[in-house]
Amino acid sequence: MDCREYRTNIRAFIKDELDAKKTIRLIRHIDTCAECKEELKIQFLVFEGLKRLENGGTFDLNKEFATKIRNSLKYSKAMESFHRVIQVAKAAGIVVTICYLLIGLLF
């Protein structure tokens, strides 16, 4: 993906609407792209800032931005691991089924 594609995912990332793979890719990209990271921070500030103004709260942009990135990455990696476990379980089920069928054909 290029920067333009990553930037189209920023709003979905902030709203927790990106899937795990896209979230991980976006986070890895902003680690190496200062412009996209700055755009993400700006949109995060606007989105979170408006929410806080409506509620009368304040927030520390840098702290909450870092927390958002860290939590999103942790959650996305856990979801990817979960999906891998499910795929392995499906494959194991198929292998067991094939073994039973082969044993049934032999006996």
Protein backbone atom coordinates (compact mmCIF):
# COMPACT_ATOMS: atom_id res chain seq x y z
CA MET A 1 0.00 0.00 0.00
CA ASP A 2 1.06 3.56 -0.52
CA CYS A 3 0.49 6.49 1.85
CA ARG A 4 -2.78 7.44 0.17
CA GLU A 5 -4.24 4.01 0.88
CA TYR A 6 -3.06 4.10 4.49
CA ARG A 7 -4.57 7.54 4.98
CA THR A 8 -7.96 6.32 3.77
CA ASN A 9 -7.89 3.82 6.65
CA ILE A 10 -7.14 6.35 9.38
CA ARG A 11 -10.72 7.23 10.29
CA ALA A 12 -11.69 3.54 10.45
CA PHE A 13 -8.64 2.89 12.65
CA ILE A 14 -9.59 5.66 15.07
CA LYS A 15 -13.14 4.29 15.28
CA ASP A 16 -11.84 0.70 15.78
CA GLU A 17 -13.43 -0.42 12.51
CA LEU A 18 -10.33 -1.81 10.77
CA ASP A 19 -9.70 -5.53 10.66
CA ALA A 20 -6.62 -6.93 12.40
CA LYS A 21 -4.41 -7.17 9.30
CA LYS A 22 -5.08 -3.62 8.16
CA THR A 23 -4.58 -2.32 11.69
CA ILE A 24 -1.18 -4.00 11.99
CA ARG A 25 -0.14 -2.77 8.54
CA LEU A 26 -1.20 0.80 9.37
CA ILE A 27 0.67 0.79 12.68
CA ARG A 28 3.80 -0.60 11.04
CA HIS A 29 3.53 2.04 8.32
CA ILE A 30 3.24 4.97 10.72
CA ASP A 31 6.35 3.71 12.51
CA THR A 32 8.30 4.52 9.34
CA CYS A 33 6.26 7.36 7.78
CA ALA A 34 6.27 10.64 9.68
CA GLU A 35 3.66 12.25 7.38
CA CYS A 36 1.09 9.50 7.89
CA LYS A 37 1.78 9.42 11.62
CA GLU A 38 1.19 13.17 11.79
CA GLU A 39 -2.05 12.82 9.81
CA LEU A 40 -3.19 10.07 12.18
CA LYS A 41 -2.37 12.24 15.20
CA ILE A 42 -4.29 15.18 13.73
CA GLN A 43 -7.37 13.10 13.00
CA PHE A 44 -7.10 11.42 16.41
CA LEU A 45 -6.90 14.82 18.08
CA VAL A 46 -9.96 16.08 16.20
CA PHE A 47 -12.02 12.94 16.80
CA GLU A 48 -11.09 12.50 20.48
CA GLY A 49 -11.00 16.23 21.15
CA LEU A 50 -14.56 16.71 19.93
CA LYS A 51 -15.76 13.79 22.03
CA ARG A 52 -14.06 15.22 25.11
CA LEU A 53 -15.41 18.72 24.51
CA GLU A 54 -18.92 17.31 24.31
CA ASN A 55 -18.36 15.49 27.61
CA GLY A 56 -16.49 18.36 29.23
CA GLY A 57 -13.29 16.31 29.62
CA THR A 58 -9.65 16.94 28.82
CA PHE A 59 -6.93 14.60 27.64
CA ASP A 60 -3.22 14.24 27.00
CA LEU A 61 -2.90 13.76 23.24
CA ASN A 62 0.50 12.07 23.24
CA LYS A 63 -0.34 9.69 26.08
CA GLU A 64 -3.72 8.69 24.68
CA PHE A 65 -2.37 8.41 21.14
CA ALA A 66 0.38 6.05 22.35
CA THR A 67 -2.19 4.06 24.35
CA LYS A 68 -4.47 3.80 21.30
CA ILE A 69 -1.62 2.52 19.12
CA ARG A 70 -0.39 0.05 21.76
CA ASN A 71 -3.86 -1.34 22.55
CA SER A 72 -4.84 -1.59 18.88
CA LEU A 73 -1.67 -3.48 18.03
CA LYS A 74 -2.07 -5.83 21.00
CA TYR A 75 -5.72 -6.57 20.15
CA SER A 76 -5.01 -7.03 16.42
CA LYS A 77 -2.14 -9.43 17.06
CA ALA A 78 -4.34 -11.43 19.44
CA MET A 79 -7.09 -11.61 16.80
CA GLU A 80 -4.62 -12.77 14.15
CA SER A 81 -3.35 -15.48 16.52
CA PHE A 82 -6.91 -16.56 17.27
CA HIS A 83 -7.68 -16.83 13.54
CA ARG A 84 -4.52 -18.91 13.01
CA VAL A 85 -5.57 -21.29 15.80
CA ILE A 86 -9.00 -21.65 14.18
CA GLN A 87 -7.39 -22.42 10.81
CA VAL A 88 -5.12 -25.06 12.39
CA ALA A 89 -8.12 -26.61 14.18
CA LYS A 90 -10.04 -26.77 10.90
CA ALA A 91 -7.09 -28.39 9.15
CA ALA A 92 -6.68 -30.90 11.98
CA GLY A 93 -10.38 -31.75 11.74
CA ILE A 94 -10.04 -32.39 8.03
CA VAL A 95 -7.01 -34.63 8.57
CA VAL A 96 -8.82 -36.64 11.26
CA THR A 97 -11.86 -37.02 9.01
CA ILE A 98 -9.72 -38.24 6.12
CA CYS A 99 -7.95 -40.73 8.41
CA TYR A 100 -11.29 -42.13 9.60
CA LEU A 101 -12.48 -42.44 6.01
CA LEU A 102 -9.29 -44.21 4.95
CA ILE A 103 -9.45 -46.57 7.93
CA GLY A 104 -13.09 -47.27 7.11
CA LEU A 105 -12.19 -48.12 3.51
CA LEU A 106 -9.38 -50.42 4.57
CA PHE A 107 -11.40 -52.44 7.07
